[in-house]
């Protein structure tokens, strides 16, 4: 997120998507949200948190949320899985890079 700060500081609206599996309740993500909002606020970025439960591909859920909210850009981090898991199950990063209709800033 730090790499995207120059863009986020100029954005009219910043939404932070928090996606979790339906079976995961009260995850670590919930406790990190206030820290994330405080970090962004310290850089003069006002952000709202949008939490969603998802059953399937998080990449598709991110793209759907971006479309729903009329986002002009998607900023996301990524990390890799084993090649076998990626081949069998896919991954959010791959889905977003393949299917995004808006610019994507991705940082590893």
N, C-alpha and C. Protein backbone atom coordinates (compact mmCIF):
# COMPACT_ATOMS: atom_id res chain seq x y z
N UNK A 1 0.82 -1.18 0.00
CA UNK A 1 0.00 0.00 0.00
C UNK A 1 0.87 1.25 0.00
N UNK A 2 2.03 1.13 0.62
CA UNK A 2 2.92 2.29 0.69
C UNK A 2 3.27 2.79 -0.71
N UNK A 3 3.52 1.88 -1.64
CA UNK A 3 3.87 2.27 -3.01
C UNK A 3 2.74 3.03 -3.70
N UNK A 4 1.51 2.80 -3.30
CA UNK A 4 0.36 3.43 -3.93
C UNK A 4 -0.02 4.76 -3.29
N UNK A 5 0.64 5.16 -2.21
CA UNK A 5 0.25 6.38 -1.49
C UNK A 5 0.15 7.62 -2.38
N UNK A 6 1.09 7.87 -3.29
CA UNK A 6 0.93 9.06 -4.13
C UNK A 6 -0.38 9.07 -4.92
N UNK A 7 -0.82 7.91 -5.37
CA UNK A 7 -2.09 7.82 -6.09
C UNK A 7 -3.27 7.94 -5.13
N UNK A 8 -3.18 7.26 -4.01
CA UNK A 8 -4.28 7.28 -3.04
C UNK A 8 -4.50 8.68 -2.47
N UNK A 9 -3.43 9.44 -2.29
CA UNK A 9 -3.56 10.80 -1.76
C UNK A 9 -4.34 11.71 -2.70
N UNK A 10 -4.34 11.39 -3.98
CA UNK A 10 -5.04 12.20 -4.98
C UNK A 10 -6.44 11.68 -5.30
N UNK A 11 -6.77 10.52 -4.80
CA UNK A 11 -8.06 9.89 -5.12
C UNK A 11 -9.20 10.59 -4.41
N UNK A 12 -10.32 10.67 -5.08
CA UNK A 12 -11.51 11.25 -4.46
C UNK A 12 -12.11 10.33 -3.41
N UNK A 13 -12.09 9.06 -3.68
CA UNK A 13 -12.64 8.06 -2.77
C UNK A 13 -11.69 6.87 -2.72
N UNK A 14 -11.44 6.37 -1.52
CA UNK A 14 -10.62 5.18 -1.35
C UNK A 14 -11.43 4.16 -0.54
N UNK A 15 -11.60 3.00 -1.12
CA UNK A 15 -12.29 1.90 -0.44
C UNK A 15 -11.29 0.78 -0.22
N UNK A 16 -11.25 0.25 0.97
CA UNK A 16 -10.38 -0.88 1.29
C UNK A 16 -11.27 -2.12 1.36
N UNK A 17 -11.01 -3.06 0.48
CA UNK A 17 -11.81 -4.28 0.44
C UNK A 17 -11.21 -5.30 1.40
N UNK A 18 -12.06 -5.85 2.22
CA UNK A 18 -11.67 -6.93 3.13
C UNK A 18 -12.53 -8.13 2.77
N UNK A 19 -11.91 -9.11 2.15
CA UNK A 19 -12.63 -10.30 1.72
C UNK A 19 -12.29 -11.45 2.65
N UNK A 20 -13.30 -12.22 3.00
CA UNK A 20 -13.07 -13.39 3.83
C UNK A 20 -13.99 -14.51 3.38
N UNK A 21 -13.57 -15.70 3.62
CA UNK A 21 -14.41 -16.86 3.31
C UNK A 21 -15.59 -16.86 4.26
N UNK A 22 -16.71 -17.35 3.79
CA UNK A 22 -17.92 -17.37 4.62
C UNK A 22 -17.72 -18.15 5.90
N UNK A 23 -16.85 -19.16 5.86
CA UNK A 23 -16.66 -20.00 7.05
C UNK A 23 -15.71 -19.35 8.07
N UNK A 24 -14.98 -18.31 7.67
CA UNK A 24 -14.02 -17.65 8.56
C UNK A 24 -14.69 -16.48 9.26
N UNK A 25 -14.94 -16.61 10.54
CA UNK A 25 -15.56 -15.53 11.30
C UNK A 25 -14.53 -14.94 12.25
N UNK A 26 -14.56 -13.61 12.40
CA UNK A 26 -13.67 -12.95 13.36
C UNK A 26 -12.20 -13.19 13.06
N UNK A 27 -11.82 -13.07 11.80
CA UNK A 27 -10.45 -13.36 11.42
C UNK A 27 -9.50 -12.26 11.87
N UNK A 28 -8.23 -12.49 11.65
CA UNK A 28 -7.20 -11.52 11.99
C UNK A 28 -7.42 -10.22 11.22
N UNK A 29 -8.00 -10.29 10.03
CA UNK A 29 -8.26 -9.10 9.23
C UNK A 29 -9.10 -8.09 10.00
N UNK A 30 -10.05 -8.56 10.79
CA UNK A 30 -10.92 -7.67 11.54
C UNK A 30 -10.12 -6.80 12.51
N UNK A 31 -9.11 -7.37 13.13
CA UNK A 31 -8.33 -6.63 14.11
C UNK A 31 -7.34 -5.67 13.44
N UNK A 32 -7.01 -5.89 12.18
CA UNK A 32 -6.05 -5.04 11.48
C UNK A 32 -6.71 -3.83 10.81
N UNK A 33 -8.01 -3.83 10.67
CA UNK A 33 -8.68 -2.75 9.96
C UNK A 33 -8.45 -1.37 10.58
N UNK A 34 -8.57 -1.19 11.90
CA UNK A 34 -8.31 0.14 12.47
C UNK A 34 -6.89 0.63 12.21
N UNK A 35 -5.91 -0.28 12.25
CA UNK A 35 -4.53 0.11 11.97
C UNK A 35 -4.37 0.56 10.53
N UNK A 36 -5.02 -0.11 9.62
CA UNK A 36 -4.95 0.24 8.21
C UNK A 36 -5.56 1.62 7.96
N UNK A 37 -6.73 1.86 8.52
CA UNK A 37 -7.38 3.17 8.37
C UNK A 37 -6.52 4.26 8.99
N UNK A 38 -5.93 4.00 10.14
CA UNK A 38 -5.06 4.98 10.80
C UNK A 38 -3.81 5.26 9.95
N UNK A 39 -3.22 4.23 9.35
CA UNK A 39 -2.06 4.42 8.49
C UNK A 39 -2.41 5.33 7.33
N UNK A 40 -3.52 5.05 6.67
CA UNK A 40 -3.93 5.87 5.54
C UNK A 40 -4.24 7.30 5.98
N UNK A 41 -4.91 7.45 7.11
CA UNK A 41 -5.24 8.79 7.62
C UNK A 41 -3.98 9.59 7.92
N UNK A 42 -2.93 8.93 8.38
CA UNK A 42 -1.67 9.63 8.67
C UNK A 42 -1.04 10.19 7.39
N UNK A 43 -1.50 9.69 6.24
CA UNK A 43 -1.03 10.20 4.95
C UNK A 43 -2.13 11.00 4.24
N UNK A 44 -3.07 11.49 5.01
CA UNK A 44 -4.17 12.32 4.50
C UNK A 44 -5.04 11.59 3.47
N UNK A 45 -5.23 10.31 3.69
CA UNK A 45 -6.11 9.50 2.84
C UNK A 45 -7.27 9.02 3.70
N UNK A 46 -8.47 9.44 3.33
CA UNK A 46 -9.66 8.98 4.04
C UNK A 46 -10.18 7.73 3.32
N UNK A 47 -10.23 6.65 4.04
CA UNK A 47 -10.64 5.38 3.44
C UNK A 47 -11.83 4.80 4.18
N UNK A 48 -12.68 4.13 3.43
CA UNK A 48 -13.75 3.38 4.06
C UNK A 48 -13.51 1.89 3.83
N UNK A 49 -13.87 1.11 4.81
CA UNK A 49 -13.69 -0.34 4.75
C UNK A 49 -14.96 -0.97 4.20
N UNK A 50 -14.78 -1.85 3.23
CA UNK A 50 -15.90 -2.60 2.66
C UNK A 50 -15.59 -4.07 2.88
N UNK A 51 -16.36 -4.71 3.76
CA UNK A 51 -16.15 -6.13 4.07
C UNK A 51 -17.13 -6.98 3.28
N UNK A 52 -16.64 -8.04 2.71
CA UNK A 52 -17.48 -8.97 1.97
C UNK A 52 -17.09 -10.39 2.29
N UNK A 53 -18.06 -11.24 2.32
CA UNK A 53 -17.86 -12.69 2.42
C UNK A 53 -17.88 -13.23 1.00
N UNK A 54 -17.01 -14.17 0.72
CA UNK A 54 -16.97 -14.75 -0.60
C UNK A 54 -16.83 -16.27 -0.49
N UNK A 55 -17.41 -16.95 -1.42
CA UNK A 55 -17.34 -18.42 -1.42
C UNK A 55 -16.26 -18.93 -2.37
N UNK A 56 -15.99 -18.15 -3.38
CA UNK A 56 -15.14 -18.67 -4.45
C UNK A 56 -13.92 -17.77 -4.66
N UNK A 57 -13.57 -17.53 -5.88
CA UNK A 57 -12.38 -16.80 -6.29
C UNK A 57 -12.39 -15.37 -5.76
N UNK A 58 -11.41 -15.05 -4.92
CA UNK A 58 -11.31 -13.71 -4.36
C UNK A 58 -11.03 -12.67 -5.45
N UNK A 59 -10.33 -13.07 -6.50
CA UNK A 59 -10.07 -12.15 -7.60
C UNK A 59 -11.36 -11.70 -8.26
N UNK A 60 -12.27 -12.63 -8.51
CA UNK A 60 -13.56 -12.28 -9.09
C UNK A 60 -14.36 -11.38 -8.15
N UNK A 61 -14.28 -11.68 -6.85
CA UNK A 61 -14.98 -10.86 -5.87
C UNK A 61 -14.43 -9.44 -5.85
N UNK A 62 -13.10 -9.29 -5.93
CA UNK A 62 -12.49 -7.96 -5.99
C UNK A 62 -12.93 -7.19 -7.22
N UNK A 63 -12.91 -7.85 -8.36
CA UNK A 63 -13.32 -7.18 -9.60
C UNK A 63 -14.79 -6.78 -9.57
N UNK A 64 -15.64 -7.64 -9.02
CA UNK A 64 -17.06 -7.32 -8.91
C UNK A 64 -17.28 -6.13 -7.99
N UNK A 65 -16.56 -6.11 -6.88
CA UNK A 65 -16.67 -5.00 -5.94
C UNK A 65 -16.19 -3.70 -6.57
N UNK A 66 -15.08 -3.75 -7.29
CA UNK A 66 -14.56 -2.56 -7.97
C UNK A 66 -15.57 -2.03 -8.98
N UNK A 67 -16.20 -2.92 -9.72
CA UNK A 67 -17.22 -2.50 -10.69
C UNK A 67 -18.42 -1.90 -9.99
N UNK A 68 -18.88 -2.56 -8.95
CA UNK A 68 -20.04 -2.09 -8.18
C UNK A 68 -19.81 -0.68 -7.63
N UNK A 69 -18.60 -0.39 -7.16
CA UNK A 69 -18.29 0.89 -6.54
C UNK A 69 -17.80 1.92 -7.55
N UNK A 70 -17.70 1.55 -8.82
CA UNK A 70 -17.27 2.48 -9.85
C UNK A 70 -15.81 2.91 -9.72
N UNK A 71 -14.96 1.98 -9.31
CA UNK A 71 -13.55 2.28 -9.09
C UNK A 71 -12.82 2.52 -10.42
N UNK A 72 -11.88 3.45 -10.40
CA UNK A 72 -11.09 3.73 -11.58
C UNK A 72 -9.75 3.01 -11.56
N UNK A 73 -9.39 2.44 -10.42
CA UNK A 73 -8.14 1.70 -10.30
C UNK A 73 -8.25 0.73 -9.14
N UNK A 74 -7.54 -0.37 -9.27
CA UNK A 74 -7.48 -1.36 -8.19
C UNK A 74 -6.03 -1.46 -7.74
N UNK A 75 -5.81 -1.30 -6.46
CA UNK A 75 -4.48 -1.45 -5.86
C UNK A 75 -4.54 -2.69 -4.99
N UNK A 76 -3.60 -3.60 -5.21
CA UNK A 76 -3.62 -4.82 -4.41
C UNK A 76 -2.21 -5.38 -4.25
N UNK A 77 -2.02 -6.08 -3.17
CA UNK A 77 -0.80 -6.84 -2.97
C UNK A 77 -1.00 -8.22 -3.55
N UNK A 78 0.08 -8.95 -3.67
CA UNK A 78 -0.06 -10.31 -4.17
C UNK A 78 1.00 -11.18 -3.52
N UNK A 79 0.74 -12.44 -3.51
CA UNK A 79 1.74 -13.42 -3.09
C UNK A 79 1.47 -14.69 -3.86
N UNK A 80 2.48 -15.48 -3.99
CA UNK A 80 2.37 -16.68 -4.80
C UNK A 80 2.07 -17.92 -3.99
N UNK A 81 1.48 -18.85 -4.65
CA UNK A 81 1.26 -20.19 -4.11
C UNK A 81 2.16 -21.14 -4.88
N UNK A 82 2.16 -22.38 -4.49
CA UNK A 82 2.92 -23.36 -5.25
C UNK A 82 2.36 -23.45 -6.66
N UNK A 83 3.19 -23.85 -7.60
CA UNK A 83 2.72 -23.95 -8.99
C UNK A 83 1.57 -24.93 -9.13
N UNK A 84 1.62 -26.02 -8.37
CA UNK A 84 0.55 -27.00 -8.44
C UNK A 84 -0.76 -26.39 -7.97
N UNK A 85 -0.72 -25.69 -6.84
CA UNK A 85 -1.95 -25.08 -6.33
C UNK A 85 -2.48 -24.02 -7.30
N UNK A 86 -1.60 -23.19 -7.84
CA UNK A 86 -2.01 -22.17 -8.81
C UNK A 86 -2.66 -22.83 -10.03
N UNK A 87 -2.05 -23.92 -10.51
CA UNK A 87 -2.59 -24.57 -11.70
C UNK A 87 -3.96 -25.19 -11.42
N UNK A 88 -4.12 -25.77 -10.25
CA UNK A 88 -5.37 -26.45 -9.91
C UNK A 88 -6.46 -25.47 -9.47
N UNK A 89 -6.08 -24.53 -8.64
CA UNK A 89 -7.09 -23.67 -8.02
C UNK A 89 -7.10 -22.25 -8.54
N UNK A 90 -6.06 -21.83 -9.24
CA UNK A 90 -5.98 -20.45 -9.67
C UNK A 90 -5.59 -19.56 -8.50
N UNK A 91 -5.71 -18.27 -8.67
CA UNK A 91 -5.38 -17.35 -7.61
C UNK A 91 -5.96 -15.98 -7.89
N UNK A 92 -6.15 -15.20 -6.85
CA UNK A 92 -6.75 -13.87 -6.99
C UNK A 92 -5.91 -12.99 -7.90
N UNK A 93 -4.59 -13.01 -7.71
CA UNK A 93 -3.71 -12.15 -8.52
C UNK A 93 -3.85 -12.49 -10.00
N UNK A 94 -3.82 -13.76 -10.30
CA UNK A 94 -3.93 -14.19 -11.70
C UNK A 94 -5.28 -13.78 -12.29
N UNK A 95 -6.34 -14.00 -11.56
CA UNK A 95 -7.67 -13.63 -12.04
C UNK A 95 -7.75 -12.14 -12.32
N UNK A 96 -7.28 -11.33 -11.37
CA UNK A 96 -7.35 -9.88 -11.54
C UNK A 96 -6.53 -9.45 -12.75
N UNK A 97 -5.32 -9.95 -12.89
CA UNK A 97 -4.48 -9.55 -14.02
C UNK A 97 -5.08 -9.98 -15.35
N UNK A 98 -5.74 -11.11 -15.39
CA UNK A 98 -6.33 -11.60 -16.63
C UNK A 98 -7.64 -10.92 -16.99
N UNK A 99 -8.43 -10.56 -15.98
CA UNK A 99 -9.81 -10.14 -16.24
C UNK A 99 -10.13 -8.68 -15.92
N UNK A 100 -9.19 -7.93 -15.40
CA UNK A 100 -9.49 -6.56 -14.98
C UNK A 100 -9.80 -5.66 -16.19
N UNK A 101 -10.83 -4.84 -16.04
CA UNK A 101 -11.19 -3.86 -17.07
C UNK A 101 -10.73 -2.47 -16.65
N UNK A 102 -10.06 -2.36 -15.50
CA UNK A 102 -9.53 -1.10 -15.01
C UNK A 102 -8.04 -1.28 -14.74
N UNK A 103 -7.29 -0.18 -14.64
CA UNK A 103 -5.87 -0.31 -14.31
C UNK A 103 -5.68 -0.98 -12.94
N UNK A 104 -4.61 -1.76 -12.82
CA UNK A 104 -4.29 -2.46 -11.58
C UNK A 104 -2.85 -2.12 -11.20
N UNK A 105 -2.67 -1.69 -9.96
CA UNK A 105 -1.34 -1.51 -9.40
C UNK A 105 -1.14 -2.64 -8.41
N UNK A 106 -0.20 -3.51 -8.73
CA UNK A 106 0.01 -4.69 -7.91
C UNK A 106 1.44 -4.67 -7.37
N UNK A 107 1.58 -4.93 -6.08
CA UNK A 107 2.89 -4.93 -5.43
C UNK A 107 3.07 -6.25 -4.70
N UNK A 108 4.24 -6.81 -4.85
CA UNK A 108 4.55 -8.09 -4.21
C UNK A 108 5.33 -7.87 -2.95
